[in-house]
Protein backbone atom coordinates (compact mmCIF):
# COMPACT_ATOMS: atom_id res chain seq x y z
CA UNK A 1 0.00 0.00 0.00
CA UNK A 2 1.63 3.17 -1.22
CA UNK A 3 -0.98 5.87 -0.56
CA UNK A 4 -3.49 6.71 2.15
CA UNK A 5 -6.19 9.19 3.08
CA UNK A 6 -7.46 9.81 6.60
CA UNK A 7 -10.92 10.62 7.95
CA UNK A 8 -11.20 12.00 11.48
CA UNK A 9 -14.53 12.12 13.28
CA UNK A 10 -14.96 15.42 15.12
CA UNK A 11 -16.50 15.56 18.56
CA UNK A 12 -19.99 17.02 18.35
CA UNK A 13 -22.75 17.15 20.99
CA UNK A 14 -25.40 16.60 18.28
CA UNK A 15 -24.30 13.06 17.36
CA UNK A 16 -22.42 10.24 19.07
CA UNK A 17 -19.35 8.63 17.57
CA UNK A 18 -21.29 5.37 17.12
CA UNK A 19 -24.05 7.06 15.11
CA UNK A 20 -21.53 9.03 13.07
CA UNK A 21 -19.48 5.89 12.31
CA UNK A 22 -22.67 4.21 11.06
CA UNK A 23 -23.52 7.06 8.69
CA UNK A 24 -20.01 7.64 7.36
CA UNK A 25 -19.17 3.95 6.98
CA UNK A 26 -22.42 3.28 5.14
CA UNK A 27 -21.55 5.89 2.51
CA UNK A 28 -17.99 4.61 2.30
CA UNK A 29 -19.23 1.02 1.84
CA UNK A 30 -21.50 2.08 -1.03
CA UNK A 31 -18.60 3.79 -2.80
CA UNK A 32 -16.24 0.85 -2.24
CA UNK A 33 -18.87 -1.52 -3.64
CA UNK A 34 -18.83 0.47 -6.89
CA UNK A 35 -15.11 -0.27 -7.20
CA UNK A 36 -15.54 -4.03 -6.74
CA UNK A 37 -14.26 -6.32 -9.47
CA UNK A 38 -15.97 -9.52 -10.70
CA UNK A 39 -14.74 -11.37 -7.58
CA UNK A 40 -16.11 -8.71 -5.22
CA UNK A 41 -12.65 -7.38 -4.36
CA UNK A 42 -11.80 -3.70 -4.08
CA UNK A 43 -8.30 -2.19 -4.25
CA UNK A 44 -8.86 -0.11 -1.09
CA UNK A 45 -8.33 -1.29 2.47
CA UNK A 46 -9.07 0.44 5.76
CA UNK A 47 -7.44 0.70 9.16
CA UNK A 48 -8.49 2.11 12.50
CA UNK A 49 -5.30 3.66 13.97
CA UNK A 50 -6.94 4.19 17.37
CA UNK A 51 -8.43 0.68 17.53
CA UNK A 52 -9.01 -0.34 21.15
CA UNK A 53 -9.32 3.25 22.40
CA UNK A 54 -10.88 3.41 25.89
CA UNK A 55 -13.24 6.25 24.98
CA UNK A 56 -14.59 4.63 21.80
CA UNK A 57 -13.20 1.23 20.73
CA UNK A 58 -12.77 2.10 17.05
CA UNK A 59 -11.34 5.51 17.85
CA UNK A 60 -11.99 8.66 15.84
CA UNK A 61 -9.79 7.95 12.82
CA UNK A 62 -10.16 5.86 9.70
CA UNK A 63 -7.39 5.43 7.16
CA UNK A 64 -8.02 4.26 3.61
CA UNK A 65 -5.09 2.64 1.79
CA UNK A 66 -4.46 1.90 -1.87
CA UNK A 67 -1.54 0.84 -4.02
CA UNK A 68 -2.32 3.55 -6.57
CA UNK A 69 -3.12 7.19 -5.84
CA UNK A 70 -5.79 7.09 -8.58
CA UNK A 71 -7.84 4.51 -6.63
CA UNK A 72 -8.22 6.88 -3.68
CA UNK A 73 -8.85 9.83 -5.96
CA UNK A 74 -11.65 7.88 -7.65
CA UNK A 75 -13.47 7.67 -4.30
CA UNK A 76 -13.51 11.48 -4.15
CA UNK A 77 -14.26 11.44 -0.41
CA UNK A 78 -14.68 15.22 -0.18
CA UNK A 79 -17.70 14.97 -2.49
CA UNK A 80 -18.98 11.58 -1.29
CA UNK A 81 -19.02 12.68 2.36
CA UNK A 82 -19.80 16.39 1.86
CA UNK A 83 -23.00 16.20 3.93
CA UNK A 84 -20.83 15.36 6.96
CA UNK A 85 -18.54 18.40 6.58
CA UNK A 86 -19.45 19.66 10.07
CA UNK A 87 -18.70 16.27 11.65
CA UNK A 88 -15.55 14.97 9.92
CA UNK A 89 -12.18 16.12 8.62
CA UNK A 90 -10.70 14.52 5.49
CA UNK A 91 -7.03 14.83 4.57
CA UNK A 92 -5.66 14.87 1.05
CA UNK A 93 -4.18 11.69 -0.44
CA UNK A 94 -0.64 11.21 0.88
CA UNK A 95 2.21 8.74 0.39
CA UNK A 96 2.48 6.12 3.13
CA UNK A 97 5.51 6.64 5.37
CA UNK A 98 7.84 3.69 5.75
CA UNK A 99 6.31 1.02 7.94
CA UNK A 100 7.76 -2.02 9.63
CA UNK A 101 4.53 -3.28 11.16
CA UNK A 102 1.34 -4.37 9.47
CA UNK A 103 -2.19 -5.21 10.54
CA UNK A 104 -5.11 -7.17 9.17
CA UNK A 105 -8.58 -5.73 9.76
CA UNK A 106 -11.24 -8.33 9.12
CA UNK A 107 -14.93 -8.85 9.62
CA UNK A 108 -15.88 -11.18 12.44
CA UNK A 109 -19.19 -13.01 12.21
CA UNK A 110 -20.89 -13.58 15.53
CA UNK A 111 -22.01 -17.11 16.29
CA UNK A 112 -25.20 -17.01 18.32
CA UNK A 113 -24.85 -20.09 20.46
CA UNK A 114 -23.38 -23.56 20.86
CA UNK A 115 -26.50 -25.23 19.44
CA UNK A 116 -26.25 -23.29 16.20
CA UNK A 117 -22.57 -24.14 15.95
CA UNK A 118 -23.29 -27.83 16.60
CA UNK A 119 -26.04 -27.97 13.95
CA UNK A 120 -23.73 -26.42 11.40
CA UNK A 121 -20.87 -28.77 12.32
CA UNK A 122 -23.17 -31.83 12.07
CA UNK A 123 -24.42 -30.75 8.66
CA UNK A 124 -20.95 -29.99 7.26
CA UNK A 125 -19.18 -33.04 8.68
CA UNK A 126 -22.02 -35.50 8.22
CA UNK A 127 -22.21 -36.50 11.89
CA UNK A 128 -25.15 -36.87 14.26
CA UNK A 129 -26.34 -33.69 15.99
CA UNK A 130 -25.98 -35.28 19.46
CA UNK A 131 -22.34 -36.05 18.77
CA UNK A 132 -21.66 -32.55 17.46
CA UNK A 133 -23.41 -31.01 20.46
CA UNK A 134 -20.97 -32.77 22.81
CA UNK A 135 -18.08 -31.06 21.04
CA UNK A 136 -19.52 -27.59 21.61
CA UNK A 137 -21.36 -27.90 24.90
CA UNK A 138 -18.71 -26.28 27.07
CA UNK A 139 -17.43 -23.57 24.77
CA UNK A 140 -18.35 -19.92 25.09
CA UNK A 141 -19.10 -18.07 21.88
CA UNK A 142 -19.03 -14.45 22.86
CA UNK A 143 -16.39 -11.97 21.93
CA UNK A 144 -16.15 -8.31 22.80
CA UNK A 145 -15.10 -6.67 19.55
CA UNK A 146 -15.81 -3.14 18.36
CA UNK A 147 -18.52 -2.84 15.77
CA UNK A 148 -20.37 -0.43 13.52
CA UNK A 149 -24.16 -0.58 13.28
CA UNK A 150 -25.10 -1.07 9.64
CA UNK A 151 -28.28 -1.52 7.62
CA UNK A 152 -28.48 -3.83 4.63
CA UNK A 153 -29.73 -2.07 1.52
CA UNK A 154 -30.84 -5.36 0.01
CA UNK A 155 -33.16 -6.54 2.79
CA UNK A 156 -33.40 -3.62 5.24
CA UNK A 157 -32.04 -5.70 8.13
CA UNK A 158 -29.87 -4.04 10.75
CA UNK A 159 -26.65 -5.80 11.73
CA UNK A 160 -23.41 -5.19 13.55
CA UNK A 161 -20.24 -5.12 11.48
CA UNK A 162 -17.76 -6.54 14.00
CA UNK A 163 -14.17 -5.58 13.23
CA UNK A 164 -11.21 -7.67 14.33
CA UNK A 165 -7.59 -6.55 14.29
CA UNK A 166 -4.47 -8.70 14.29
CA UNK A 167 -0.86 -7.94 13.49
CA UNK A 168 1.16 -9.39 10.62
CA UNK A 169 4.91 -9.65 10.07
CA UNK A 170 5.01 -8.79 6.38
CA UNK A 171 2.89 -6.94 3.84
CA UNK A 172 0.47 -9.00 1.77
CA UNK A 173 -2.13 -8.01 -0.79
CA UNK A 174 -5.08 -10.09 -2.03
CA UNK A 175 -7.73 -7.37 -2.32
CA UNK A 176 -10.35 -6.17 0.15
CA UNK A 177 -14.09 -6.51 0.58
CA UNK A 178 -16.59 -3.73 -0.12
CA UNK A 179 -16.15 -2.82 3.57
CA UNK A 180 -12.40 -2.32 3.06
CA UNK A 181 -11.70 -5.37 5.24
CA UNK A 182 -9.86 -8.60 4.49
CA UNK A 183 -8.98 -11.84 6.22
CA UNK A 184 -5.48 -11.81 4.76
CA UNK A 185 -4.52 -8.48 3.14
CA UNK A 186 -2.47 -6.19 5.32
CA UNK A 187 -2.31 -2.44 5.81
CA UNK A 188 0.67 -0.56 7.31
CA UNK A 189 0.73 0.58 10.92
CA UNK A 190 2.19 4.02 11.61
C-alpha atoms as a PDB file:
ATOM      1  CA  UNK A   1       0.000   0.000   0.000  1.00  0.00           C
ATOM      2  CA  UNK A   2       1.634   3.170  -1.224  1.00  0.00           C
ATOM      3  CA  UNK A   3      -0.980   5.871  -0.563  1.00  0.00           C
ATOM      4  CA  UNK A   4      -3.488   6.715   2.154  1.00  0.00           C
ATOM      5  CA  UNK A   5      -6.192   9.188   3.082  1.00  0.00           C
ATOM      6  CA  UNK A   6      -7.464   9.805   6.600  1.00  0.00           C
ATOM      7  CA  UNK A   7     -10.917  10.620   7.949  1.00  0.00           C
ATOM      8  CA  UNK A   8     -11.200  12.005  11.484  1.00  0.00           C
ATOM      9  CA  UNK A   9     -14.532  12.125  13.282  1.00  0.00           C
ATOM     10  CA  UNK A  10     -14.962  15.416  15.119  1.00  0.00           C
ATOM     11  CA  UNK A  11     -16.495  15.562  18.562  1.00  0.00           C
ATOM     12  CA  UNK A  12     -19.990  17.025  18.348  1.00  0.00           C
ATOM     13  CA  UNK A  13     -22.749  17.150  20.986  1.00  0.00           C
ATOM     14  CA  UNK A  14     -25.399  16.602  18.280  1.00  0.00           C
ATOM     15  CA  UNK A  15     -24.299  13.065  17.362  1.00  0.00           C
ATOM     16  CA  UNK A  16     -22.424  10.237  19.073  1.00  0.00           C
ATOM     17  CA  UNK A  17     -19.347   8.627  17.566  1.00  0.00           C
ATOM     18  CA  UNK A  18     -21.289   5.373  17.124  1.00  0.00           C
ATOM     19  CA  UNK A  19     -24.050   7.060  15.112  1.00  0.00           C
ATOM     20  CA  UNK A  20     -21.527   9.031  13.069  1.00  0.00           C
ATOM     21  CA  UNK A  21     -19.483   5.892  12.311  1.00  0.00           C
ATOM     22  CA  UNK A  22     -22.672   4.209  11.064  1.00  0.00           C
ATOM     23  CA  UNK A  23     -23.522   7.061   8.693  1.00  0.00           C
ATOM     24  CA  UNK A  24     -20.007   7.637   7.363  1.00  0.00           C
ATOM     25  CA  UNK A  25     -19.166   3.952   6.981  1.00  0.00           C
ATOM     26  CA  UNK A  26     -22.422   3.277   5.141  1.00  0.00           C
ATOM     27  CA  UNK A  27     -21.551   5.886   2.506  1.00  0.00           C
ATOM     28  CA  UNK A  28     -17.991   4.607   2.297  1.00  0.00           C
ATOM     29  CA  UNK A  29     -19.230   1.021   1.840  1.00  0.00           C
ATOM     30  CA  UNK A  30     -21.500   2.083  -1.031  1.00  0.00           C
ATOM     31  CA  UNK A  31     -18.596   3.788  -2.805  1.00  0.00           C
ATOM     32  CA  UNK A  32     -16.237   0.850  -2.241  1.00  0.00           C
ATOM     33  CA  UNK A  33     -18.875  -1.524  -3.635  1.00  0.00           C
ATOM     34  CA  UNK A  34     -18.832   0.473  -6.887  1.00  0.00           C
ATOM     35  CA  UNK A  35     -15.108  -0.269  -7.202  1.00  0.00           C
ATOM     36  CA  UNK A  36     -15.537  -4.034  -6.739  1.00  0.00           C
ATOM     37  CA  UNK A  37     -14.262  -6.324  -9.471  1.00  0.00           C
ATOM     38  CA  UNK A  38     -15.966  -9.525 -10.697  1.00  0.00           C
ATOM     39  CA  UNK A  39     -14.742 -11.373  -7.581  1.00  0.00           C
ATOM     40  CA  UNK A  40     -16.112  -8.712  -5.224  1.00  0.00           C
ATOM     41  CA  UNK A  41     -12.647  -7.376  -4.362  1.00  0.00           C
ATOM     42  CA  UNK A  42     -11.799  -3.702  -4.078  1.00  0.00           C
ATOM     43  CA  UNK A  43      -8.295  -2.192  -4.246  1.00  0.00           C
ATOM     44  CA  UNK A  44      -8.861  -0.109  -1.092  1.00  0.00           C
ATOM     45  CA  UNK A  45      -8.330  -1.288   2.471  1.00  0.00           C
ATOM     46  CA  UNK A  46      -9.066   0.442   5.762  1.00  0.00           C
ATOM     47  CA  UNK A  47      -7.442   0.699   9.159  1.00  0.00           C
ATOM     48  CA  UNK A  48      -8.487   2.109  12.499  1.00  0.00           C
ATOM     49  CA  UNK A  49      -5.297   3.657  13.966  1.00  0.00           C
ATOM     50  CA  UNK A  50      -6.938   4.186  17.371  1.00  0.00           C
ATOM     51  CA  UNK A  51      -8.435   0.676  17.533  1.00  0.00           C
ATOM     52  CA  UNK A  52      -9.009  -0.336  21.145  1.00  0.00           C
ATOM     53  CA  UNK A  53      -9.318   3.253  22.403  1.00  0.00           C
ATOM     54  CA  UNK A  54     -10.877   3.412  25.886  1.00  0.00           C
ATOM     55  CA  UNK A  55     -13.241   6.246  24.977  1.00  0.00           C
ATOM     56  CA  UNK A  56     -14.590   4.625  21.796  1.00  0.00           C
ATOM     57  CA  UNK A  57     -13.200   1.232  20.732  1.00  0.00           C
ATOM     58  CA  UNK A  58     -12.772   2.103  17.054  1.00  0.00           C
ATOM     59  CA  UNK A  59     -11.339   5.507  17.848  1.00  0.00           C
ATOM     60  CA  UNK A  60     -11.988   8.658  15.844  1.00  0.00           C
ATOM     61  CA  UNK A  61      -9.788   7.949  12.820  1.00  0.00           C
ATOM     62  CA  UNK A  62     -10.159   5.859   9.704  1.00  0.00           C
ATOM     63  CA  UNK A  63      -7.392   5.434   7.160  1.00  0.00           C
ATOM     64  CA  UNK A  64      -8.017   4.259   3.615  1.00  0.00           C
ATOM     65  CA  UNK A  65      -5.090   2.641   1.787  1.00  0.00           C
ATOM     66  CA  UNK A  66      -4.456   1.899  -1.871  1.00  0.00           C
ATOM     67  CA  UNK A  67      -1.536   0.840  -4.017  1.00  0.00           C
ATOM     68  CA  UNK A  68      -2.322   3.553  -6.570  1.00  0.00           C
ATOM     69  CA  UNK A  69      -3.124   7.187  -5.842  1.00  0.00           C
ATOM     70  CA  UNK A  70      -5.789   7.088  -8.581  1.00  0.00           C
ATOM     71  CA  UNK A  71      -7.837   4.506  -6.627  1.00  0.00           C
ATOM     72  CA  UNK A  72      -8.217   6.881  -3.680  1.00  0.00           C
ATOM     73  CA  UNK A  73      -8.848   9.829  -5.960  1.00  0.00           C
ATOM     74  CA  UNK A  74     -11.655   7.880  -7.645  1.00  0.00           C
ATOM     75  CA  UNK A  75     -13.470   7.675  -4.302  1.00  0.00           C
ATOM     76  CA  UNK A  76     -13.509  11.478  -4.148  1.00  0.00           C
ATOM     77  CA  UNK A  77     -14.265  11.442  -0.413  1.00  0.00           C
ATOM     78  CA  UNK A  78     -14.680  15.217  -0.181  1.00  0.00           C
ATOM     79  CA  UNK A  79     -17.700  14.971  -2.490  1.00  0.00           C
ATOM     80  CA  UNK A  80     -18.978  11.576  -1.287  1.00  0.00           C
ATOM     81  CA  UNK A  81     -19.021  12.675   2.364  1.00  0.00           C
ATOM     82  CA  UNK A  82     -19.803  16.391   1.858  1.00  0.00           C
ATOM     83  CA  UNK A  83     -22.997  16.199   3.933  1.00  0.00           C
ATOM     84  CA  UNK A  84     -20.833  15.359   6.956  1.00  0.00           C
ATOM     85  CA  UNK A  85     -18.538  18.399   6.582  1.00  0.00           C
ATOM     86  CA  UNK A  86     -19.447  19.664  10.068  1.00  0.00           C
ATOM     87  CA  UNK A  87     -18.704  16.274  11.649  1.00  0.00           C
ATOM     88  CA  UNK A  88     -15.551  14.972   9.925  1.00  0.00           C
ATOM     89  CA  UNK A  89     -12.180  16.116   8.619  1.00  0.00           C
ATOM     90  CA  UNK A  90     -10.700  14.515   5.486  1.00  0.00           C
ATOM     91  CA  UNK A  91      -7.028  14.826   4.568  1.00  0.00           C
ATOM     92  CA  UNK A  92      -5.665  14.866   1.046  1.00  0.00           C
ATOM     93  CA  UNK A  93      -4.175  11.691  -0.440  1.00  0.00           C
ATOM     94  CA  UNK A  94      -0.641  11.214   0.881  1.00  0.00           C
ATOM     95  CA  UNK A  95       2.214   8.745   0.386  1.00  0.00           C
ATOM     96  CA  UNK A  96       2.482   6.117   3.126  1.00  0.00           C
ATOM     97  CA  UNK A  97       5.513   6.641   5.372  1.00  0.00           C
ATOM     98  CA  UNK A  98       7.840   3.691   5.748  1.00  0.00           C
ATOM     99  CA  UNK A  99       6.308   1.023   7.943  1.00  0.00           C
ATOM    100  CA  UNK A 100       7.759  -2.023   9.630  1.00  0.00           C
ATOM    101  CA  UNK A 101       4.528  -3.278  11.160  1.00  0.00           C
ATOM    102  CA  UNK A 102       1.335  -4.375   9.465  1.00  0.00           C
ATOM    103  CA  UNK A 103      -2.192  -5.208  10.536  1.00  0.00           C
ATOM    104  CA  UNK A 104      -5.114  -7.167   9.167  1.00  0.00           C
ATOM    105  CA  UNK A 105      -8.577  -5.726   9.764  1.00  0.00           C
ATOM    106  CA  UNK A 106     -11.238  -8.327   9.122  1.00  0.00           C
ATOM    107  CA  UNK A 107     -14.932  -8.848   9.618  1.00  0.00           C
ATOM    108  CA  UNK A 108     -15.880 -11.182  12.444  1.00  0.00           C
ATOM    109  CA  UNK A 109     -19.195 -13.009  12.213  1.00  0.00           C
ATOM    110  CA  UNK A 110     -20.890 -13.578  15.531  1.00  0.00           C
ATOM    111  CA  UNK A 111     -22.008 -17.113  16.288  1.00  0.00           C
ATOM    112  CA  UNK A 112     -25.200 -17.007  18.317  1.00  0.00           C
ATOM    113  CA  UNK A 113     -24.845 -20.090  20.461  1.00  0.00           C
ATOM    114  CA  UNK A 114     -23.379 -23.562  20.858  1.00  0.00           C
ATOM    115  CA  UNK A 115     -26.499 -25.232  19.443  1.00  0.00           C
ATOM    116  CA  UNK A 116     -26.253 -23.288  16.201  1.00  0.00           C
ATOM    117  CA  UNK A 117     -22.567 -24.142  15.950  1.00  0.00           C
ATOM    118  CA  UNK A 118     -23.286 -27.829  16.604  1.00  0.00           C
ATOM    119  CA  UNK A 119     -26.041 -27.973  13.948  1.00  0.00           C
ATOM    120  CA  UNK A 120     -23.729 -26.425  11.402  1.00  0.00           C
ATOM    121  CA  UNK A 121     -20.875 -28.772  12.319  1.00  0.00           C
ATOM    122  CA  UNK A 122     -23.170 -31.827  12.073  1.00  0.00           C
ATOM    123  CA  UNK A 123     -24.421 -30.746   8.660  1.00  0.00           C
ATOM    124  CA  UNK A 124     -20.953 -29.993   7.257  1.00  0.00           C
ATOM    125  CA  UNK A 125     -19.184 -33.039   8.676  1.00  0.00           C
ATOM    126  CA  UNK A 126     -22.020 -35.503   8.218  1.00  0.00           C
ATOM    127  CA  UNK A 127     -22.210 -36.500  11.894  1.00  0.00           C
ATOM    128  CA  UNK A 128     -25.150 -36.871  14.262  1.00  0.00           C
ATOM    129  CA  UNK A 129     -26.338 -33.689  15.989  1.00  0.00           C
ATOM    130  CA  UNK A 130     -25.981 -35.281  19.459  1.00  0.00           C
ATOM    131  CA  UNK A 131     -22.335 -36.047  18.768  1.00  0.00           C
ATOM    132  CA  UNK A 132     -21.658 -32.549  17.460  1.00  0.00           C
ATOM    133  CA  UNK A 133     -23.408 -31.006  20.456  1.00  0.00           C
ATOM    134  CA  UNK A 134     -20.974 -32.771  22.813  1.00  0.00           C
ATOM    135  CA  UNK A 135     -18.083 -31.060  21.039  1.00  0.00           C
ATOM    136  CA  UNK A 136     -19.516 -27.592  21.610  1.00  0.00           C
ATOM    137  CA  UNK A 137     -21.363 -27.905  24.899  1.00  0.00           C
ATOM    138  CA  UNK A 138     -18.706 -26.276  27.065  1.00  0.00           C
ATOM    139  CA  UNK A 139     -17.431 -23.573  24.767  1.00  0.00           C
ATOM    140  CA  UNK A 140     -18.346 -19.922  25.093  1.00  0.00           C
ATOM    141  CA  UNK A 141     -19.096 -18.070  21.885  1.00  0.00           C
ATOM    142  CA  UNK A 142     -19.035 -14.455  22.856  1.00  0.00           C
ATOM    143  CA  UNK A 143     -16.389 -11.968  21.932  1.00  0.00           C
ATOM    144  CA  UNK A 144     -16.155  -8.309  22.800  1.00  0.00           C
ATOM    145  CA  UNK A 145     -15.101  -6.665  19.554  1.00  0.00           C
ATOM    146  CA  UNK A 146     -15.810  -3.136  18.361  1.00  0.00           C
ATOM    147  CA  UNK A 147     -18.524  -2.840  15.765  1.00  0.00           C
ATOM    148  CA  UNK A 148     -20.369  -0.428  13.516  1.00  0.00           C
ATOM    149  CA  UNK A 149     -24.158  -0.578  13.283  1.00  0.00           C
ATOM    150  CA  UNK A 150     -25.104  -1.074   9.644  1.00  0.00           C
ATOM    151  CA  UNK A 151     -28.279  -1.519   7.616  1.00  0.00           C
ATOM    152  CA  UNK A 152     -28.480  -3.827   4.630  1.00  0.00           C
ATOM    153  CA  UNK A 153     -29.734  -2.069   1.524  1.00  0.00           C
ATOM    154  CA  UNK A 154     -30.843  -5.363   0.006  1.00  0.00           C
ATOM    155  CA  UNK A 155     -33.164  -6.539   2.788  1.00  0.00           C
ATOM    156  CA  UNK A 156     -33.404  -3.619   5.237  1.00  0.00           C
ATOM    157  CA  UNK A 157     -32.038  -5.703   8.133  1.00  0.00           C
ATOM    158  CA  UNK A 158     -29.868  -4.042  10.755  1.00  0.00           C
ATOM    159  CA  UNK A 159     -26.648  -5.803  11.729  1.00  0.00           C
ATOM    160  CA  UNK A 160     -23.412  -5.192  13.550  1.00  0.00           C
ATOM    161  CA  UNK A 161     -20.244  -5.124  11.481  1.00  0.00           C
ATOM    162  CA  UNK A 162     -17.756  -6.542  14.002  1.00  0.00           C
ATOM    163  CA  UNK A 163     -14.168  -5.580  13.229  1.00  0.00           C
ATOM    164  CA  UNK A 164     -11.215  -7.670  14.335  1.00  0.00           C
ATOM    165  CA  UNK A 165      -7.590  -6.551  14.286  1.00  0.00           C
ATOM    166  CA  UNK A 166      -4.473  -8.700  14.292  1.00  0.00           C
ATOM    167  CA  UNK A 167      -0.860  -7.938  13.488  1.00  0.00           C
ATOM    168  CA  UNK A 168       1.161  -9.385  10.619  1.00  0.00           C
ATOM    169  CA  UNK A 169       4.909  -9.652  10.068  1.00  0.00           C
ATOM    170  CA  UNK A 170       5.015  -8.785   6.380  1.00  0.00           C
ATOM    171  CA  UNK A 171       2.888  -6.935   3.843  1.00  0.00           C
ATOM    172  CA  UNK A 172       0.475  -9.005   1.775  1.00  0.00           C
ATOM    173  CA  UNK A 173      -2.132  -8.008  -0.792  1.00  0.00           C
ATOM    174  CA  UNK A 174      -5.076 -10.091  -2.033  1.00  0.00           C
ATOM    175  CA  UNK A 175      -7.728  -7.370  -2.317  1.00  0.00           C
ATOM    176  CA  UNK A 176     -10.349  -6.167   0.153  1.00  0.00           C
ATOM    177  CA  UNK A 177     -14.091  -6.507   0.584  1.00  0.00           C
ATOM    178  CA  UNK A 178     -16.589  -3.730  -0.120  1.00  0.00           C
ATOM    179  CA  UNK A 179     -16.152  -2.819   3.570  1.00  0.00           C
ATOM    180  CA  UNK A 180     -12.399  -2.321   3.063  1.00  0.00           C
ATOM    181  CA  UNK A 181     -11.702  -5.371   5.238  1.00  0.00           C
ATOM    182  CA  UNK A 182      -9.862  -8.604   4.490  1.00  0.00           C
ATOM    183  CA  UNK A 183      -8.982 -11.841   6.222  1.00  0.00           C
ATOM    184  CA  UNK A 184      -5.483 -11.813   4.756  1.00  0.00           C
ATOM    185  CA  UNK A 185      -4.515  -8.484   3.139  1.00  0.00           C
ATOM    186  CA  UNK A 186      -2.470  -6.185   5.325  1.00  0.00           C
ATOM    187  CA  UNK A 187      -2.307  -2.437   5.814  1.00  0.00           C
ATOM    188  CA  UNK A 188       0.668  -0.563   7.309  1.00  0.00           C
ATOM    189  CA  UNK A 189       0.725   0.576  10.924  1.00  0.00           C
ATOM    190  CA  UNK A 190       2.193   4.017  11.606  1.00  0.00           C
END
